[in-house]
Each structure stands twice: as C-alpha cells, then as structure tokens.
N, C-alpha and C. Protein backbone atom coordinates (compact mmCIF):
# COMPACT_ATOMS: atom_id res chain seq x y z
N UNK A 1 39.13 -52.37 55.58
CA UNK A 1 38.25 -51.31 55.10
C UNK A 1 38.25 -51.29 53.57
N UNK A 2 37.08 -51.22 52.97
CA UNK A 2 36.95 -51.32 51.51
C UNK A 2 36.53 -49.97 50.94
N UNK A 3 37.48 -49.27 50.34
CA UNK A 3 37.19 -47.95 49.78
C UNK A 3 36.15 -48.03 48.67
N UNK A 4 36.27 -49.02 47.82
CA UNK A 4 35.36 -49.12 46.67
C UNK A 4 33.92 -49.39 47.09
N UNK A 5 33.75 -50.15 48.17
CA UNK A 5 32.40 -50.39 48.68
C UNK A 5 31.78 -49.09 49.18
N UNK A 6 32.59 -48.30 49.89
CA UNK A 6 32.11 -47.00 50.37
C UNK A 6 31.81 -46.07 49.21
N UNK A 7 32.68 -46.07 48.22
CA UNK A 7 32.48 -45.22 47.05
C UNK A 7 31.19 -45.59 46.32
N UNK A 8 30.90 -46.88 46.23
CA UNK A 8 29.66 -47.32 45.59
C UNK A 8 28.43 -46.79 46.34
N UNK A 9 28.50 -46.77 47.68
CA UNK A 9 27.39 -46.24 48.47
C UNK A 9 27.22 -44.74 48.21
N UNK A 10 28.32 -44.02 48.20
CA UNK A 10 28.26 -42.57 47.97
C UNK A 10 27.74 -42.26 46.57
N UNK A 11 28.23 -42.98 45.57
CA UNK A 11 27.81 -42.75 44.19
C UNK A 11 26.40 -43.27 43.92
N UNK A 12 25.98 -44.25 44.70
CA UNK A 12 24.69 -44.88 44.43
C UNK A 12 23.50 -44.18 45.08
N UNK A 13 23.74 -43.39 46.10
CA UNK A 13 22.63 -42.71 46.80
C UNK A 13 21.89 -41.78 45.85
N UNK A 14 20.58 -41.78 45.93
CA UNK A 14 19.73 -40.91 45.13
C UNK A 14 18.70 -40.22 46.03
N UNK A 15 18.19 -39.11 45.59
CA UNK A 15 17.07 -38.46 46.28
C UNK A 15 15.78 -39.13 45.82
N UNK A 16 15.09 -39.76 46.76
CA UNK A 16 13.90 -40.55 46.45
C UNK A 16 12.64 -39.76 46.85
N UNK A 17 11.71 -39.66 45.91
CA UNK A 17 10.46 -38.93 46.18
C UNK A 17 9.22 -39.80 46.08
N UNK A 18 9.42 -41.08 45.75
CA UNK A 18 8.30 -42.02 45.70
C UNK A 18 8.67 -43.23 46.55
N UNK A 19 7.78 -43.56 47.47
CA UNK A 19 8.05 -44.63 48.43
C UNK A 19 6.94 -45.67 48.42
N UNK A 20 7.27 -46.88 48.84
CA UNK A 20 6.24 -47.90 49.04
C UNK A 20 5.52 -47.61 50.36
N UNK A 21 4.49 -48.38 50.63
CA UNK A 21 3.74 -48.21 51.88
C UNK A 21 4.40 -48.91 53.06
N UNK A 22 5.45 -49.65 52.79
CA UNK A 22 6.11 -50.41 53.87
C UNK A 22 6.71 -49.46 54.91
N UNK A 23 6.38 -49.65 56.17
CA UNK A 23 6.94 -48.77 57.21
C UNK A 23 8.43 -49.03 57.42
N UNK A 24 9.09 -48.05 57.98
CA UNK A 24 10.50 -48.20 58.34
C UNK A 24 10.57 -48.57 59.82
N UNK A 25 11.32 -49.60 60.12
CA UNK A 25 11.38 -50.07 61.51
C UNK A 25 12.13 -49.08 62.40
N UNK A 26 11.74 -49.04 63.65
CA UNK A 26 12.44 -48.19 64.62
C UNK A 26 13.91 -48.60 64.74
N UNK A 27 14.17 -49.91 64.65
CA UNK A 27 15.56 -50.39 64.72
C UNK A 27 16.39 -49.81 63.57
N UNK A 28 15.82 -49.78 62.36
CA UNK A 28 16.54 -49.22 61.23
C UNK A 28 16.78 -47.72 61.42
N UNK A 29 15.77 -47.02 61.91
CA UNK A 29 15.92 -45.58 62.14
C UNK A 29 16.99 -45.32 63.20
N UNK A 30 16.97 -46.10 64.27
CA UNK A 30 18.00 -45.93 65.30
C UNK A 30 19.39 -46.22 64.76
N UNK A 31 19.49 -47.22 63.88
CA UNK A 31 20.79 -47.55 63.29
C UNK A 31 21.35 -46.39 62.47
N UNK A 32 20.50 -45.77 61.66
CA UNK A 32 21.02 -44.71 60.79
C UNK A 32 21.30 -43.42 61.59
N UNK A 33 20.54 -43.20 62.66
CA UNK A 33 20.85 -42.04 63.51
C UNK A 33 22.12 -42.30 64.32
N UNK A 34 22.36 -43.56 64.64
CA UNK A 34 23.62 -43.92 65.29
C UNK A 34 24.80 -43.55 64.39
N UNK A 35 24.64 -43.75 63.09
CA UNK A 35 25.69 -43.35 62.14
C UNK A 35 25.78 -41.83 62.04
N UNK A 36 24.63 -41.17 62.09
CA UNK A 36 24.62 -39.70 62.01
C UNK A 36 25.41 -39.08 63.15
N UNK A 37 25.28 -39.63 64.34
CA UNK A 37 25.90 -39.00 65.50
C UNK A 37 27.42 -39.14 65.54
N UNK A 38 27.96 -39.96 64.64
CA UNK A 38 29.41 -40.09 64.56
C UNK A 38 30.03 -39.15 63.52
N UNK A 39 29.26 -38.22 63.04
CA UNK A 39 29.81 -37.19 62.15
C UNK A 39 30.76 -36.30 62.94
N UNK A 40 31.74 -35.71 62.26
CA UNK A 40 32.60 -34.75 62.97
C UNK A 40 31.84 -33.47 63.27
N UNK A 41 32.26 -32.77 64.31
CA UNK A 41 31.64 -31.49 64.64
C UNK A 41 32.68 -30.58 65.28
N UNK A 42 32.44 -29.30 65.19
CA UNK A 42 33.36 -28.30 65.72
C UNK A 42 33.56 -28.51 67.22
N UNK A 43 34.79 -28.79 67.63
CA UNK A 43 35.17 -29.08 69.02
C UNK A 43 34.24 -30.11 69.66
N UNK A 44 33.83 -31.09 68.88
CA UNK A 44 32.94 -32.16 69.34
C UNK A 44 31.67 -31.62 69.98
N UNK A 45 31.16 -30.53 69.43
CA UNK A 45 29.96 -29.90 69.99
C UNK A 45 28.69 -30.68 69.71
N UNK A 46 28.70 -31.52 68.66
CA UNK A 46 27.57 -32.39 68.33
C UNK A 46 26.25 -31.61 68.28
N UNK A 47 26.24 -30.61 67.42
CA UNK A 47 25.10 -29.68 67.36
C UNK A 47 23.99 -30.22 66.46
N UNK A 48 23.44 -31.38 66.81
CA UNK A 48 22.38 -31.96 66.00
C UNK A 48 21.37 -32.68 66.89
N UNK A 49 20.14 -32.61 66.47
CA UNK A 49 19.05 -33.39 67.05
C UNK A 49 18.11 -33.77 65.93
N UNK A 50 17.33 -34.83 66.14
CA UNK A 50 16.43 -35.32 65.10
C UNK A 50 15.05 -35.59 65.68
N UNK A 51 14.04 -35.11 65.01
CA UNK A 51 12.66 -35.44 65.35
C UNK A 51 12.15 -36.38 64.27
N UNK A 52 11.78 -37.59 64.66
CA UNK A 52 11.35 -38.60 63.70
C UNK A 52 9.83 -38.74 63.78
N UNK A 53 9.16 -38.50 62.66
CA UNK A 53 7.71 -38.57 62.61
C UNK A 53 7.31 -39.76 61.75
N UNK A 54 6.60 -40.69 62.33
CA UNK A 54 6.11 -41.85 61.58
C UNK A 54 4.58 -41.86 61.51
N UNK A 55 3.96 -40.89 62.13
CA UNK A 55 2.51 -40.75 62.11
C UNK A 55 2.09 -40.10 60.79
N UNK A 56 1.39 -40.84 59.95
CA UNK A 56 1.04 -40.35 58.60
C UNK A 56 0.20 -39.08 58.66
N UNK A 57 -0.69 -39.01 59.63
CA UNK A 57 -1.54 -37.83 59.74
C UNK A 57 -0.72 -36.58 60.03
N UNK A 58 0.26 -36.73 60.91
CA UNK A 58 1.11 -35.57 61.23
C UNK A 58 1.98 -35.18 60.04
N UNK A 59 2.45 -36.15 59.27
CA UNK A 59 3.22 -35.84 58.07
C UNK A 59 2.35 -35.07 57.09
N UNK A 60 1.10 -35.49 56.95
CA UNK A 60 0.17 -34.78 56.06
C UNK A 60 -0.11 -33.37 56.58
N UNK A 61 -0.15 -33.21 57.88
CA UNK A 61 -0.37 -31.88 58.45
C UNK A 61 0.80 -30.96 58.15
N UNK A 62 2.01 -31.50 58.20
CA UNK A 62 3.20 -30.70 57.87
C UNK A 62 3.19 -30.34 56.39
N UNK A 63 2.73 -31.29 55.56
CA UNK A 63 2.57 -30.97 54.14
C UNK A 63 1.60 -29.80 53.96
N UNK A 64 0.47 -29.84 54.67
CA UNK A 64 -0.53 -28.78 54.54
C UNK A 64 0.01 -27.45 55.05
N UNK A 65 0.77 -27.48 56.14
CA UNK A 65 1.39 -26.25 56.65
C UNK A 65 2.31 -25.64 55.60
N UNK A 66 3.03 -26.50 54.89
CA UNK A 66 3.95 -26.03 53.84
C UNK A 66 3.17 -25.41 52.69
N UNK A 67 2.09 -26.09 52.27
CA UNK A 67 1.26 -25.53 51.20
C UNK A 67 0.61 -24.21 51.61
N UNK A 68 0.14 -24.15 52.85
CA UNK A 68 -0.48 -22.91 53.33
C UNK A 68 0.51 -21.75 53.27
N UNK A 69 1.73 -22.01 53.74
CA UNK A 69 2.75 -20.97 53.72
C UNK A 69 3.12 -20.60 52.29
N UNK A 70 3.16 -21.58 51.42
CA UNK A 70 3.50 -21.34 50.01
C UNK A 70 2.45 -20.44 49.35
N UNK A 71 1.18 -20.71 49.60
CA UNK A 71 0.12 -19.89 49.02
C UNK A 71 0.14 -18.47 49.60
N UNK A 72 0.52 -18.35 50.87
CA UNK A 72 0.65 -17.02 51.46
C UNK A 72 1.77 -16.23 50.77
N UNK A 73 2.89 -16.90 50.54
CA UNK A 73 4.02 -16.25 49.85
C UNK A 73 3.63 -15.87 48.43
N UNK A 74 2.89 -16.75 47.77
CA UNK A 74 2.47 -16.48 46.39
C UNK A 74 1.53 -15.28 46.34
N UNK A 75 0.62 -15.20 47.32
CA UNK A 75 -0.31 -14.07 47.36
C UNK A 75 0.44 -12.76 47.58
N UNK A 76 1.43 -12.79 48.46
CA UNK A 76 2.24 -11.59 48.70
C UNK A 76 2.99 -11.18 47.44
N UNK A 77 3.53 -12.16 46.72
CA UNK A 77 4.26 -11.86 45.48
C UNK A 77 3.33 -11.27 44.43
N UNK A 78 2.12 -11.81 44.34
CA UNK A 78 1.14 -11.29 43.38
C UNK A 78 0.79 -9.84 43.68
N UNK A 79 0.61 -9.53 44.94
CA UNK A 79 0.30 -8.15 45.35
C UNK A 79 1.42 -7.18 44.98
N UNK A 80 2.65 -7.69 44.95
CA UNK A 80 3.80 -6.83 44.60
C UNK A 80 4.09 -6.82 43.11
N UNK A 81 3.21 -7.45 42.33
CA UNK A 81 3.34 -7.40 40.88
C UNK A 81 4.08 -8.56 40.26
N UNK A 82 4.37 -9.60 41.07
CA UNK A 82 5.10 -10.76 40.56
C UNK A 82 4.15 -11.93 40.35
N UNK A 83 3.15 -11.73 39.50
CA UNK A 83 2.11 -12.75 39.30
C UNK A 83 2.68 -14.00 38.63
N UNK A 84 3.54 -13.81 37.64
CA UNK A 84 4.13 -14.96 36.94
C UNK A 84 4.95 -15.80 37.91
N UNK A 85 5.79 -15.13 38.70
CA UNK A 85 6.63 -15.84 39.65
C UNK A 85 5.80 -16.54 40.72
N UNK A 86 4.68 -15.90 41.12
CA UNK A 86 3.80 -16.50 42.12
C UNK A 86 3.20 -17.80 41.60
N UNK A 87 2.82 -17.82 40.33
CA UNK A 87 2.26 -19.04 39.74
C UNK A 87 3.32 -20.13 39.67
N UNK A 88 4.54 -19.76 39.32
CA UNK A 88 5.63 -20.74 39.27
C UNK A 88 5.91 -21.30 40.66
N UNK A 89 5.79 -20.44 41.66
CA UNK A 89 6.04 -20.87 43.03
C UNK A 89 5.10 -22.00 43.42
N UNK A 90 3.83 -21.84 43.09
CA UNK A 90 2.85 -22.86 43.48
C UNK A 90 2.86 -24.07 42.55
N UNK A 91 3.01 -23.84 41.25
CA UNK A 91 2.91 -24.94 40.29
C UNK A 91 4.20 -25.75 40.17
N UNK A 92 5.33 -25.07 40.23
CA UNK A 92 6.62 -25.77 40.03
C UNK A 92 7.30 -26.13 41.34
N UNK A 93 7.44 -25.13 42.22
CA UNK A 93 8.17 -25.37 43.46
C UNK A 93 7.32 -26.12 44.49
N UNK A 94 6.02 -25.87 44.49
CA UNK A 94 5.15 -26.49 45.48
C UNK A 94 5.25 -28.00 45.55
N UNK A 95 5.03 -28.71 44.43
CA UNK A 95 5.15 -30.18 44.47
C UNK A 95 6.55 -30.65 44.84
N UNK A 96 7.55 -29.87 44.46
CA UNK A 96 8.94 -30.21 44.77
C UNK A 96 9.21 -30.10 46.27
N UNK A 97 8.62 -29.05 46.88
CA UNK A 97 8.86 -28.79 48.31
C UNK A 97 8.04 -29.69 49.22
N UNK A 98 7.04 -30.36 48.67
CA UNK A 98 6.18 -31.22 49.49
C UNK A 98 6.27 -32.69 49.08
N UNK A 99 7.38 -33.05 48.46
CA UNK A 99 7.56 -34.42 47.96
C UNK A 99 7.70 -35.44 49.09
N UNK A 100 7.73 -34.98 50.32
CA UNK A 100 7.83 -35.87 51.47
C UNK A 100 6.48 -36.44 51.90
N UNK A 101 5.41 -35.98 51.29
CA UNK A 101 4.06 -36.23 51.82
C UNK A 101 3.68 -37.71 51.89
N UNK A 102 4.21 -38.54 51.02
CA UNK A 102 3.86 -39.96 51.02
C UNK A 102 4.92 -40.84 51.67
N UNK A 103 5.93 -40.22 52.25
CA UNK A 103 6.98 -41.01 52.91
C UNK A 103 6.44 -41.59 54.22
N UNK A 104 6.83 -42.82 54.55
CA UNK A 104 6.38 -43.41 55.82
C UNK A 104 7.04 -42.79 57.05
N UNK A 105 8.14 -42.06 56.83
CA UNK A 105 8.81 -41.39 57.95
C UNK A 105 9.37 -40.06 57.47
N UNK A 106 9.32 -39.09 58.36
CA UNK A 106 9.87 -37.77 58.07
C UNK A 106 10.78 -37.37 59.23
N UNK A 107 12.00 -37.01 58.90
CA UNK A 107 12.97 -36.62 59.93
C UNK A 107 13.21 -35.11 59.86
N UNK A 108 12.92 -34.43 60.95
CA UNK A 108 13.21 -33.00 61.06
C UNK A 108 14.60 -32.88 61.64
N UNK A 109 15.52 -32.31 60.88
CA UNK A 109 16.91 -32.20 61.31
C UNK A 109 17.14 -30.82 61.95
N UNK A 110 17.55 -30.84 63.19
CA UNK A 110 17.75 -29.60 63.94
C UNK A 110 19.23 -29.33 64.18
N UNK A 111 19.55 -28.05 64.25
CA UNK A 111 20.89 -27.62 64.65
C UNK A 111 20.77 -26.92 65.99
N UNK A 112 21.46 -27.44 66.97
CA UNK A 112 21.42 -26.86 68.31
C UNK A 112 22.52 -25.81 68.44
N UNK A 113 22.42 -24.92 69.42
CA UNK A 113 23.43 -23.86 69.56
C UNK A 113 24.83 -24.43 69.79
N UNK A 114 25.79 -23.81 69.16
CA UNK A 114 27.18 -24.23 69.34
C UNK A 114 27.69 -23.79 70.71
N UNK A 115 28.14 -24.75 71.48
CA UNK A 115 28.71 -24.46 72.80
C UNK A 115 30.01 -25.23 72.94
N UNK A 116 31.02 -24.59 73.51
CA UNK A 116 32.28 -25.27 73.78
C UNK A 116 33.07 -24.48 74.81
N UNK A 117 34.08 -25.10 75.38
CA UNK A 117 34.92 -24.40 76.36
C UNK A 117 35.66 -23.25 75.70
N UNK A 118 35.95 -23.38 74.40
CA UNK A 118 36.63 -22.29 73.69
C UNK A 118 35.72 -21.08 73.57
N UNK A 119 34.45 -21.34 73.25
CA UNK A 119 33.51 -20.22 73.13
C UNK A 119 33.33 -19.54 74.48
N UNK A 120 33.15 -20.35 75.52
CA UNK A 120 32.88 -19.80 76.85
C UNK A 120 34.08 -19.05 77.43
N UNK A 121 35.28 -19.63 77.29
CA UNK A 121 36.45 -19.09 77.98
C UNK A 121 37.27 -18.11 77.13
N UNK A 122 37.13 -18.20 75.81
CA UNK A 122 37.98 -17.36 74.94
C UNK A 122 37.17 -16.50 73.99
N UNK A 123 36.35 -17.17 73.16
CA UNK A 123 35.68 -16.46 72.06
C UNK A 123 34.72 -15.40 72.55
N UNK A 124 33.86 -15.76 73.54
CA UNK A 124 32.87 -14.81 74.03
C UNK A 124 33.50 -13.62 74.75
N UNK A 125 34.46 -13.85 75.66
CA UNK A 125 35.06 -12.70 76.35
C UNK A 125 35.69 -11.66 75.42
N UNK A 126 36.32 -12.13 74.35
CA UNK A 126 36.98 -11.17 73.45
C UNK A 126 36.08 -10.78 72.27
N UNK A 127 34.82 -11.29 72.28
CA UNK A 127 33.87 -11.00 71.20
C UNK A 127 34.50 -11.27 69.84
N UNK A 128 34.93 -12.51 69.68
CA UNK A 128 35.66 -12.92 68.49
C UNK A 128 34.87 -12.70 67.21
N UNK A 129 33.57 -13.07 67.23
CA UNK A 129 32.72 -12.95 66.04
C UNK A 129 31.32 -12.52 66.46
N UNK A 130 30.51 -12.18 65.47
CA UNK A 130 29.12 -11.86 65.74
C UNK A 130 28.36 -13.09 66.21
N UNK A 131 27.27 -12.88 66.94
CA UNK A 131 26.47 -13.97 67.48
C UNK A 131 25.96 -14.90 66.38
N UNK A 132 25.65 -14.34 65.21
CA UNK A 132 25.10 -15.15 64.12
C UNK A 132 26.07 -16.24 63.65
N UNK A 133 27.35 -16.03 63.86
CA UNK A 133 28.35 -17.02 63.44
C UNK A 133 28.16 -18.33 64.20
N UNK A 134 27.76 -18.24 65.47
CA UNK A 134 27.59 -19.46 66.26
C UNK A 134 26.41 -20.27 65.75
N UNK A 135 25.40 -19.60 65.22
CA UNK A 135 24.29 -20.31 64.59
C UNK A 135 24.77 -21.06 63.35
N UNK A 136 25.64 -20.40 62.59
CA UNK A 136 26.20 -21.04 61.39
C UNK A 136 27.03 -22.26 61.77
N UNK A 137 27.77 -22.17 62.86
CA UNK A 137 28.59 -23.30 63.29
C UNK A 137 27.71 -24.51 63.59
N UNK A 138 26.57 -24.27 64.22
CA UNK A 138 25.66 -25.37 64.50
C UNK A 138 25.13 -26.02 63.23
N UNK A 139 24.77 -25.20 62.26
CA UNK A 139 24.26 -25.70 60.99
C UNK A 139 25.32 -26.53 60.27
N UNK A 140 26.55 -26.06 60.24
CA UNK A 140 27.62 -26.77 59.53
C UNK A 140 27.76 -28.21 60.04
N UNK A 141 27.85 -28.36 61.35
CA UNK A 141 28.03 -29.70 61.91
C UNK A 141 26.79 -30.55 61.70
N UNK A 142 25.62 -29.93 61.80
CA UNK A 142 24.37 -30.66 61.58
C UNK A 142 24.30 -31.22 60.17
N UNK A 143 24.78 -30.46 59.20
CA UNK A 143 24.79 -30.93 57.81
C UNK A 143 25.67 -32.16 57.64
N UNK A 144 26.80 -32.19 58.34
CA UNK A 144 27.66 -33.36 58.26
C UNK A 144 26.94 -34.61 58.78
N UNK A 145 26.16 -34.43 59.84
CA UNK A 145 25.42 -35.56 60.41
C UNK A 145 24.34 -36.06 59.45
N UNK A 146 23.67 -35.13 58.77
CA UNK A 146 22.60 -35.55 57.85
C UNK A 146 23.15 -36.35 56.67
N UNK A 147 24.35 -36.01 56.22
CA UNK A 147 24.95 -36.79 55.14
C UNK A 147 25.24 -38.21 55.61
N UNK A 148 25.78 -38.35 56.81
CA UNK A 148 25.99 -39.69 57.37
C UNK A 148 24.68 -40.47 57.40
N UNK A 149 23.63 -39.79 57.85
CA UNK A 149 22.31 -40.42 57.98
C UNK A 149 21.82 -40.95 56.64
N UNK A 150 21.93 -40.14 55.60
CA UNK A 150 21.40 -40.54 54.29
C UNK A 150 22.22 -41.66 53.66
N UNK A 151 23.53 -41.63 53.84
CA UNK A 151 24.36 -42.71 53.31
C UNK A 151 24.09 -44.02 54.04
N UNK A 152 23.90 -43.93 55.35
CA UNK A 152 23.59 -45.12 56.13
C UNK A 152 22.24 -45.71 55.72
N UNK A 153 21.28 -44.83 55.46
CA UNK A 153 19.96 -45.29 55.02
C UNK A 153 20.07 -46.03 53.68
N UNK A 154 20.84 -45.47 52.76
CA UNK A 154 21.00 -46.11 51.46
C UNK A 154 21.68 -47.48 51.62
N UNK A 155 22.66 -47.56 52.51
CA UNK A 155 23.35 -48.83 52.73
C UNK A 155 22.40 -49.89 53.28
N UNK A 156 21.32 -49.46 53.93
CA UNK A 156 20.32 -50.39 54.46
C UNK A 156 19.20 -50.68 53.45
N UNK A 157 19.31 -50.11 52.24
CA UNK A 157 18.28 -50.33 51.24
C UNK A 157 17.12 -49.36 51.33
N UNK A 158 17.28 -48.30 52.10
CA UNK A 158 16.24 -47.29 52.27
C UNK A 158 16.52 -46.09 51.37
N UNK A 159 15.50 -45.30 51.12
CA UNK A 159 15.65 -44.10 50.31
C UNK A 159 15.42 -42.86 51.16
N UNK A 160 16.09 -41.79 50.79
CA UNK A 160 15.93 -40.51 51.49
C UNK A 160 15.84 -39.38 50.48
N UNK A 161 15.28 -38.28 50.92
CA UNK A 161 15.30 -37.06 50.12
C UNK A 161 15.40 -35.87 51.06
N UNK A 162 16.53 -35.15 51.02
CA UNK A 162 16.68 -33.97 51.88
C UNK A 162 15.97 -32.78 51.23
N UNK A 163 15.23 -32.03 52.03
CA UNK A 163 14.48 -30.89 51.50
C UNK A 163 14.57 -29.71 52.44
N UNK A 164 14.85 -28.54 51.88
CA UNK A 164 14.86 -27.31 52.66
C UNK A 164 13.62 -26.46 52.36
N UNK A 165 12.83 -26.85 51.36
CA UNK A 165 11.63 -26.09 51.00
C UNK A 165 10.69 -25.85 52.17
N UNK A 166 10.33 -26.92 52.92
CA UNK A 166 9.44 -26.70 54.07
C UNK A 166 10.02 -25.74 55.10
N UNK A 167 11.35 -25.76 55.24
CA UNK A 167 12.00 -24.85 56.19
C UNK A 167 11.95 -23.42 55.67
N UNK A 168 12.24 -23.24 54.39
CA UNK A 168 12.21 -21.91 53.79
C UNK A 168 10.81 -21.31 53.86
N UNK A 169 9.80 -22.15 53.65
CA UNK A 169 8.43 -21.67 53.54
C UNK A 169 7.70 -21.59 54.87
N UNK A 170 7.85 -22.62 55.68
CA UNK A 170 6.95 -22.78 56.83
C UNK A 170 7.67 -23.06 58.14
N UNK A 171 8.87 -22.54 58.32
CA UNK A 171 9.64 -22.84 59.53
C UNK A 171 8.87 -22.49 60.80
N UNK A 172 8.27 -21.30 60.83
CA UNK A 172 7.56 -20.88 62.04
C UNK A 172 6.35 -21.76 62.32
N UNK A 173 5.63 -22.11 61.25
CA UNK A 173 4.44 -22.96 61.42
C UNK A 173 4.83 -24.36 61.91
N UNK A 174 5.89 -24.92 61.33
CA UNK A 174 6.33 -26.26 61.73
C UNK A 174 6.90 -26.23 63.15
N UNK A 175 7.64 -25.17 63.46
CA UNK A 175 8.19 -25.02 64.80
C UNK A 175 7.08 -25.03 65.86
N UNK A 176 6.02 -24.28 65.59
CA UNK A 176 4.89 -24.23 66.52
C UNK A 176 4.18 -25.57 66.60
N UNK A 177 3.98 -26.22 65.46
CA UNK A 177 3.27 -27.50 65.40
C UNK A 177 4.00 -28.58 66.20
N UNK A 178 5.34 -28.58 66.13
CA UNK A 178 6.13 -29.62 66.78
C UNK A 178 6.73 -29.17 68.12
N UNK A 179 6.39 -27.95 68.54
CA UNK A 179 6.92 -27.41 69.81
C UNK A 179 8.44 -27.43 69.86
N UNK A 180 9.05 -26.96 68.80
CA UNK A 180 10.51 -26.87 68.74
C UNK A 180 10.95 -25.56 69.39
N UNK A 181 11.86 -25.64 70.34
CA UNK A 181 12.28 -24.44 71.07
C UNK A 181 13.00 -23.47 70.15
N UNK A 182 12.94 -22.20 70.50
CA UNK A 182 13.41 -21.14 69.61
C UNK A 182 14.91 -21.16 69.37
N UNK A 183 15.69 -21.72 70.32
CA UNK A 183 17.15 -21.69 70.14
C UNK A 183 17.64 -22.76 69.17
N UNK A 184 16.76 -23.66 68.76
CA UNK A 184 17.14 -24.71 67.82
C UNK A 184 16.71 -24.31 66.41
N UNK A 185 17.63 -24.45 65.47
CA UNK A 185 17.33 -24.13 64.08
C UNK A 185 16.88 -25.38 63.32
N UNK A 186 15.92 -25.19 62.43
CA UNK A 186 15.55 -26.27 61.53
C UNK A 186 16.47 -26.23 60.33
N UNK A 187 17.24 -27.28 60.17
CA UNK A 187 18.22 -27.36 59.09
C UNK A 187 17.57 -27.80 57.79
N UNK A 188 16.88 -28.92 57.85
CA UNK A 188 16.20 -29.49 56.68
C UNK A 188 15.25 -30.56 57.17
N UNK A 189 14.42 -31.07 56.27
CA UNK A 189 13.63 -32.27 56.56
C UNK A 189 14.09 -33.36 55.60
N UNK A 190 14.04 -34.59 56.07
CA UNK A 190 14.46 -35.72 55.23
C UNK A 190 13.33 -36.74 55.18
N UNK A 191 12.83 -36.98 53.97
CA UNK A 191 11.86 -38.05 53.76
C UNK A 191 12.61 -39.38 53.80
N UNK A 192 12.01 -40.38 54.44
CA UNK A 192 12.67 -41.67 54.61
C UNK A 192 11.68 -42.80 54.36
N UNK A 193 12.10 -43.79 53.59
CA UNK A 193 11.24 -44.93 53.35
C UNK A 193 11.88 -45.94 52.41
N UNK A 194 11.09 -46.94 52.04
CA UNK A 194 11.55 -47.93 51.08
C UNK A 194 11.26 -47.38 49.67
N UNK A 195 12.28 -47.26 48.84
CA UNK A 195 12.11 -46.59 47.55
C UNK A 195 11.20 -47.36 46.59
N UNK A 196 10.39 -46.59 45.88
CA UNK A 196 9.53 -47.15 44.83
C UNK A 196 10.06 -46.80 43.45
N UNK A 197 11.17 -46.10 43.41
CA UNK A 197 11.77 -45.66 42.16
C UNK A 197 13.28 -45.76 42.27
N UNK A 198 13.93 -45.77 41.11
CA UNK A 198 15.39 -45.75 41.05
C UNK A 198 15.79 -44.65 40.07
N UNK A 199 15.92 -43.43 40.56
CA UNK A 199 16.25 -42.32 39.66
C UNK A 199 17.61 -42.52 38.99
N UNK A 200 17.73 -41.95 37.82
CA UNK A 200 19.00 -42.03 37.09
C UNK A 200 20.06 -41.19 37.80
N UNK A 201 21.29 -41.55 37.54
CA UNK A 201 22.41 -40.80 38.10
C UNK A 201 22.50 -39.44 37.40
N UNK A 202 22.50 -38.37 38.17
CA UNK A 202 22.59 -37.03 37.60
C UNK A 202 24.04 -36.67 37.34
N UNK A 203 24.28 -35.84 36.34
CA UNK A 203 25.67 -35.47 36.04
C UNK A 203 26.30 -34.69 37.18
N UNK A 204 27.56 -34.86 37.35
CA UNK A 204 28.34 -34.15 38.36
C UNK A 204 29.51 -33.43 37.68
N UNK A 205 29.91 -32.34 38.26
CA UNK A 205 31.10 -31.65 37.75
C UNK A 205 32.31 -32.57 37.91
N UNK A 206 33.23 -32.47 36.96
CA UNK A 206 34.45 -33.28 37.04
C UNK A 206 35.32 -32.82 38.20
N UNK A 207 36.11 -33.74 38.73
CA UNK A 207 37.02 -33.42 39.82
C UNK A 207 37.91 -32.24 39.44
N UNK A 208 38.35 -32.21 38.19
CA UNK A 208 39.25 -31.14 37.75
C UNK A 208 38.58 -29.77 37.77
N UNK A 209 37.24 -29.74 37.67
CA UNK A 209 36.51 -28.47 37.67
C UNK A 209 36.39 -27.86 39.06
N UNK A 210 36.44 -28.70 40.08
CA UNK A 210 36.16 -28.22 41.43
C UNK A 210 37.38 -28.28 42.35
N UNK A 211 38.52 -28.65 41.81
CA UNK A 211 39.71 -28.83 42.63
C UNK A 211 40.84 -27.94 42.17
N UNK A 212 41.46 -27.25 43.10
CA UNK A 212 42.66 -26.46 42.83
C UNK A 212 43.78 -26.98 43.71
N UNK A 213 44.88 -27.35 43.12
CA UNK A 213 46.04 -27.80 43.88
C UNK A 213 47.03 -26.67 44.01
N UNK A 214 47.54 -26.46 45.21
CA UNK A 214 48.62 -25.49 45.45
C UNK A 214 49.80 -26.29 45.96
N UNK A 215 50.83 -26.39 45.13
CA UNK A 215 51.96 -27.26 45.48
C UNK A 215 53.26 -26.43 45.65
C-alpha cells in the first residue's frame, strides 16, 4: 500500500465546473460507485443510493428547475425588502449553483433512512433520540460515500464537483421530477465528466490550526 500515492490523489482532487463533451462510460461510473459503497457507515447501515443521469436534456431540465426555484426565492426576498440580496442570489449564487449544466453526467446522491438492529431493538423502544437524529445519521454515512466516489473519479482521470445549491433551492421540484420517494433525502448532486480545466490548489488551514492533542 502506497500512502504517498493516496495522498497525491486526495491533494490533487479539484472541483471541476467545465467539462469536455466526451461522455463518461457506464463502466467508469460503476467503478467509482463500487468505491463509494465501500465507505464506512453507522452499524454497516449503508445509507446511500445514487441516481445517475446521462441524458443531457434531463440535466438541462434539472438546471431549469434550479433556476426557477432560485428566481422564486429571489422574488420572495425582494417582497420582504431584501432587494440587494435577491440580486446577489441570482447573479452570484445562481451560476455557482447550476455549474453542473454542461456535465455529461449528473449524480444525485441520496441518503436512505438509518436502520439497524440497535435502532429496532434498543434505541427505538427507549426513545434514545429524536426522530430527526436518524435522518442525520443517514446523511453522515452518505457523505462518506460521496467522498470515496469523488476520489475514485479523480484517480480515473475524471472531474467532479459536489453541489448542494440545487438541493437547497429546488429539492421538492427535483424530487418530483425524478420520482424520489419521500423517505430518502437528497444529500447533494455531483457533476461528473472529463475535465476541461485544471483549477489551482486552494489554500487549506494548517494541520496545527485544526488539530488538538490531548495527551
């Protein structure tokens, strides 16, 4: 096992927003999802599912749903007296939230309900936590899987960009469009394709800034 090779993959991954027209093969997509499913999860609950969209028209429709929702939010903000913020929402955040529009593939990352023998036999009977906590548990494990997915994609020479904007803005519209059942949460969307750009490495906080040792 080569730690430095893995470190290079982790350090080298970038969020890609410009892609070539070259399609991504189903074999490559299956390979990276195979890596995603080996992420750790709470009591091996594996609370993740993926919807892969390679139909350009449907990707464009999801982009339009996101823009429609964004303009609705902006109109509501304007009515409440936040005209400046409404303009920023459409002009600044809009293009950022719809940067997936030209990707040859779009992956909708879902978090399924957390279920385990511990929840059924122990946690639920004693009402250990509020119901909302189980939704959070699903999201946590799903996020681990998406990181595996993006690193695997980069190792194959593909680019990805994780985005929560479409979920924040248009979750209900996208859910209806894709017939996603109500018990599944939309975690994020990931644009996937062959990169047309090589973004610069962004600064990161030093290890010493984010680490506390208790000895």
